[in-house]
Amino acid sequence: MRVTPVCATLKSTTEDAPLNVRSAACRDATKVGEQQSGTTVERLSIVDGTAVDGTTVWQEVRQGSLRGFATGADLACP
């Protein structure tokens, strides 16, 4: 059995734009907030959503009072 490590926190890897946090795991979902590039967020769960940059992995995240979903394409373990 192969086990993939899961980080409790994730870091935004967006270059010149903020990380968009949405109400659902879909690029068309309402944007509930954003985080600056390099910001660390708490991972709450991993969900399947619409494809972004070749991945359907979305993360449910929280940072302070902001809670929502961000594409896994823009997040990495710190």
N, C-alpha and C. Protein backbone atom coordinates (compact mmCIF):
# COMPACT_ATOMS: atom_id res chain seq x y z
N MET A 1 0.85 -1.18 0.00
CA MET A 1 0.00 0.00 0.00
C MET A 1 0.89 1.24 0.00
N ARG A 2 0.57 2.19 -0.84
CA ARG A 2 1.31 3.44 -0.91
C ARG A 2 0.51 4.52 -0.22
N VAL A 3 1.15 5.26 0.66
CA VAL A 3 0.49 6.33 1.39
C VAL A 3 1.09 7.66 0.97
N THR A 4 0.24 8.57 0.59
CA THR A 4 0.69 9.91 0.22
C THR A 4 0.55 10.83 1.42
N PRO A 5 1.62 11.51 1.84
CA PRO A 5 1.52 12.40 2.99
C PRO A 5 0.56 13.55 2.72
N VAL A 6 -0.15 13.94 3.73
CA VAL A 6 -1.09 15.05 3.63
C VAL A 6 -0.66 16.12 4.61
N CYS A 7 -0.45 17.31 4.13
CA CYS A 7 -0.06 18.43 4.98
C CYS A 7 -1.29 19.02 5.66
N ALA A 8 -1.14 19.40 6.91
CA ALA A 8 -2.23 20.06 7.63
C ALA A 8 -2.39 21.51 7.17
N THR A 9 -1.30 22.08 6.67
CA THR A 9 -1.36 23.44 6.14
C THR A 9 -0.85 23.44 4.71
N LEU A 10 -1.29 24.41 3.94
CA LEU A 10 -0.90 24.55 2.55
C LEU A 10 -0.48 25.99 2.29
N LYS A 11 0.38 26.17 1.30
CA LYS A 11 0.85 27.50 0.94
C LYS A 11 0.39 27.84 -0.47
N SER A 12 -0.09 29.05 -0.64
CA SER A 12 -0.51 29.52 -1.96
C SER A 12 0.70 29.66 -2.86
N THR A 13 0.59 29.11 -4.07
CA THR A 13 1.70 29.17 -5.02
C THR A 13 1.40 30.06 -6.22
N THR A 14 0.35 30.88 -6.11
CA THR A 14 0.04 31.79 -7.20
C THR A 14 1.18 32.81 -7.33
N GLU A 15 1.53 33.16 -8.55
CA GLU A 15 2.67 34.05 -8.77
C GLU A 15 2.31 35.53 -8.66
N ASP A 16 1.52 36.02 -9.58
CA ASP A 16 1.22 37.45 -9.65
C ASP A 16 -0.23 37.78 -9.37
N ALA A 17 -0.93 36.83 -8.77
CA ALA A 17 -2.36 37.03 -8.49
C ALA A 17 -2.69 36.41 -7.14
N PRO A 18 -3.73 36.88 -6.49
CA PRO A 18 -4.11 36.28 -5.22
C PRO A 18 -4.74 34.90 -5.42
N LEU A 19 -4.75 34.10 -4.38
CA LEU A 19 -5.44 32.81 -4.36
C LEU A 19 -6.92 33.09 -4.15
N ASN A 20 -7.76 32.65 -5.09
CA ASN A 20 -9.20 32.83 -4.95
C ASN A 20 -9.78 31.70 -4.10
N VAL A 21 -10.59 32.07 -3.12
CA VAL A 21 -11.29 31.11 -2.27
C VAL A 21 -12.76 31.20 -2.64
N ARG A 22 -13.35 30.04 -2.97
CA ARG A 22 -14.71 30.01 -3.51
C ARG A 22 -15.67 29.24 -2.61
N SER A 23 -16.97 29.42 -2.86
CA SER A 23 -18.01 28.80 -2.04
C SER A 23 -18.18 27.31 -2.33
N ALA A 24 -17.67 26.84 -3.46
CA ALA A 24 -17.75 25.43 -3.85
C ALA A 24 -16.51 25.10 -4.69
N ALA A 25 -16.28 23.81 -4.93
CA ALA A 25 -15.10 23.35 -5.66
C ALA A 25 -15.30 23.48 -7.17
N CYS A 26 -15.46 24.73 -7.59
CA CYS A 26 -15.74 25.02 -9.00
C CYS A 26 -15.28 26.45 -9.30
N ARG A 27 -14.63 26.62 -10.41
CA ARG A 27 -14.13 27.94 -10.80
C ARG A 27 -15.26 28.95 -10.98
N ASP A 28 -16.47 28.47 -11.30
CA ASP A 28 -17.62 29.35 -11.49
C ASP A 28 -18.35 29.68 -10.19
N ALA A 29 -17.97 29.04 -9.08
CA ALA A 29 -18.62 29.30 -7.79
C ALA A 29 -18.29 30.71 -7.30
N THR A 30 -19.13 31.24 -6.46
CA THR A 30 -18.95 32.59 -5.91
C THR A 30 -17.62 32.70 -5.17
N LYS A 31 -16.87 33.76 -5.46
CA LYS A 31 -15.62 34.02 -4.74
C LYS A 31 -15.98 34.60 -3.38
N VAL A 32 -15.55 33.92 -2.31
CA VAL A 32 -15.86 34.38 -0.95
C VAL A 32 -14.70 35.17 -0.34
N GLY A 33 -13.55 35.14 -1.01
CA GLY A 33 -12.40 35.89 -0.53
C GLY A 33 -11.16 35.53 -1.32
N GLU A 34 -10.05 36.10 -0.91
CA GLU A 34 -8.77 35.81 -1.56
C GLU A 34 -7.64 35.95 -0.56
N GLN A 35 -6.53 35.30 -0.87
CA GLN A 35 -5.34 35.34 -0.04
C GLN A 35 -4.15 35.73 -0.91
N GLN A 36 -3.22 36.45 -0.33
CA GLN A 36 -2.01 36.86 -1.05
C GLN A 36 -1.17 35.63 -1.39
N SER A 37 -0.42 35.71 -2.46
CA SER A 37 0.51 34.65 -2.83
C SER A 37 1.47 34.40 -1.67
N GLY A 38 1.73 33.14 -1.36
CA GLY A 38 2.62 32.77 -0.27
C GLY A 38 1.94 32.62 1.07
N THR A 39 0.65 32.95 1.16
CA THR A 39 -0.10 32.81 2.40
C THR A 39 -0.27 31.34 2.75
N THR A 40 -0.18 31.01 4.03
CA THR A 40 -0.42 29.65 4.51
C THR A 40 -1.86 29.55 5.00
N VAL A 41 -2.55 28.48 4.58
CA VAL A 41 -3.93 28.24 4.97
C VAL A 41 -4.04 26.86 5.60
N GLU A 42 -5.04 26.65 6.43
CA GLU A 42 -5.30 25.35 7.04
C GLU A 42 -6.12 24.50 6.07
N ARG A 43 -5.70 23.25 5.87
CA ARG A 43 -6.46 22.33 5.02
C ARG A 43 -7.52 21.64 5.87
N LEU A 44 -8.78 21.71 5.44
CA LEU A 44 -9.88 21.05 6.14
C LEU A 44 -10.25 19.73 5.49
N SER A 45 -10.22 19.68 4.16
CA SER A 45 -10.53 18.45 3.44
C SER A 45 -10.05 18.56 2.00
N ILE A 46 -10.03 17.41 1.33
CA ILE A 46 -9.68 17.33 -0.08
C ILE A 46 -10.93 16.86 -0.81
N VAL A 47 -11.32 17.57 -1.87
CA VAL A 47 -12.53 17.21 -2.60
C VAL A 47 -12.25 17.19 -4.10
N ASP A 48 -13.13 16.53 -4.84
CA ASP A 48 -13.05 16.50 -6.29
C ASP A 48 -13.94 17.60 -6.83
N GLY A 49 -13.42 18.37 -7.77
CA GLY A 49 -14.20 19.47 -8.34
C GLY A 49 -13.92 19.61 -9.82
N THR A 50 -14.23 20.77 -10.37
CA THR A 50 -13.98 21.00 -11.79
C THR A 50 -12.48 21.12 -12.05
N ALA A 51 -12.07 20.72 -13.23
CA ALA A 51 -10.65 20.72 -13.59
C ALA A 51 -10.12 22.14 -13.76
N VAL A 52 -8.94 22.37 -13.18
CA VAL A 52 -8.20 23.62 -13.34
C VAL A 52 -6.74 23.23 -13.57
N ASP A 53 -6.17 23.68 -14.66
CA ASP A 53 -4.77 23.39 -14.98
C ASP A 53 -4.45 21.90 -14.88
N GLY A 54 -5.39 21.05 -15.34
CA GLY A 54 -5.14 19.62 -15.41
C GLY A 54 -5.42 18.82 -14.14
N THR A 55 -5.93 19.45 -13.10
CA THR A 55 -6.25 18.71 -11.88
C THR A 55 -7.68 19.00 -11.43
N THR A 56 -8.35 17.96 -10.91
CA THR A 56 -9.71 18.13 -10.37
C THR A 56 -9.68 18.19 -8.84
N VAL A 57 -8.48 18.20 -8.26
CA VAL A 57 -8.34 18.26 -6.80
C VAL A 57 -8.56 19.69 -6.32
N TRP A 58 -9.46 19.83 -5.38
CA TRP A 58 -9.70 21.10 -4.71
C TRP A 58 -9.50 20.87 -3.22
N GLN A 59 -9.10 21.93 -2.52
CA GLN A 59 -8.89 21.87 -1.08
C GLN A 59 -9.92 22.75 -0.39
N GLU A 60 -10.53 22.21 0.66
CA GLU A 60 -11.35 23.06 1.52
C GLU A 60 -10.38 23.67 2.52
N VAL A 61 -10.33 25.00 2.58
CA VAL A 61 -9.31 25.68 3.39
C VAL A 61 -9.94 26.71 4.32
N ARG A 62 -9.13 27.08 5.32
CA ARG A 62 -9.56 28.13 6.25
C ARG A 62 -8.32 28.95 6.61
N GLN A 63 -8.54 30.25 6.70
CA GLN A 63 -7.50 31.16 7.19
C GLN A 63 -8.23 32.27 7.92
N GLY A 64 -8.13 32.26 9.24
CA GLY A 64 -8.91 33.21 10.04
C GLY A 64 -10.38 32.90 9.88
N SER A 65 -11.18 33.92 9.58
CA SER A 65 -12.62 33.71 9.41
C SER A 65 -12.99 33.32 7.98
N LEU A 66 -12.02 33.33 7.07
CA LEU A 66 -12.27 32.95 5.68
C LEU A 66 -12.25 31.44 5.54
N ARG A 67 -13.32 30.88 4.97
CA ARG A 67 -13.40 29.44 4.76
C ARG A 67 -14.05 29.18 3.41
N GLY A 68 -13.46 28.26 2.64
CA GLY A 68 -14.01 27.93 1.33
C GLY A 68 -13.12 26.95 0.61
N PHE A 69 -13.18 26.97 -0.72
CA PHE A 69 -12.48 26.00 -1.55
C PHE A 69 -11.51 26.71 -2.49
N ALA A 70 -10.34 26.10 -2.68
CA ALA A 70 -9.34 26.62 -3.61
C ALA A 70 -8.80 25.46 -4.42
N THR A 71 -8.50 25.71 -5.68
CA THR A 71 -7.98 24.65 -6.53
C THR A 71 -6.62 24.16 -6.04
N GLY A 72 -6.43 22.85 -6.10
CA GLY A 72 -5.16 22.27 -5.72
C GLY A 72 -4.02 22.70 -6.64
N ALA A 73 -4.36 23.21 -7.82
CA ALA A 73 -3.34 23.69 -8.76
C ALA A 73 -2.58 24.88 -8.20
N ASP A 74 -3.16 25.59 -7.23
CA ASP A 74 -2.55 26.80 -6.68
C ASP A 74 -2.06 26.64 -5.24
N LEU A 75 -1.99 25.39 -4.76
CA LEU A 75 -1.59 25.14 -3.37
C LEU A 75 -0.55 24.03 -3.30
N ALA A 76 0.34 24.10 -2.31
CA ALA A 76 1.35 23.07 -2.11
C ALA A 76 1.70 22.99 -0.63
N CYS A 77 2.26 21.86 -0.22
CA CYS A 77 2.75 21.74 1.16
C CYS A 77 3.88 22.75 1.34
N PRO A 78 3.90 23.43 2.48
CA PRO A 78 4.96 24.43 2.70
C PRO A 78 6.33 23.79 2.90
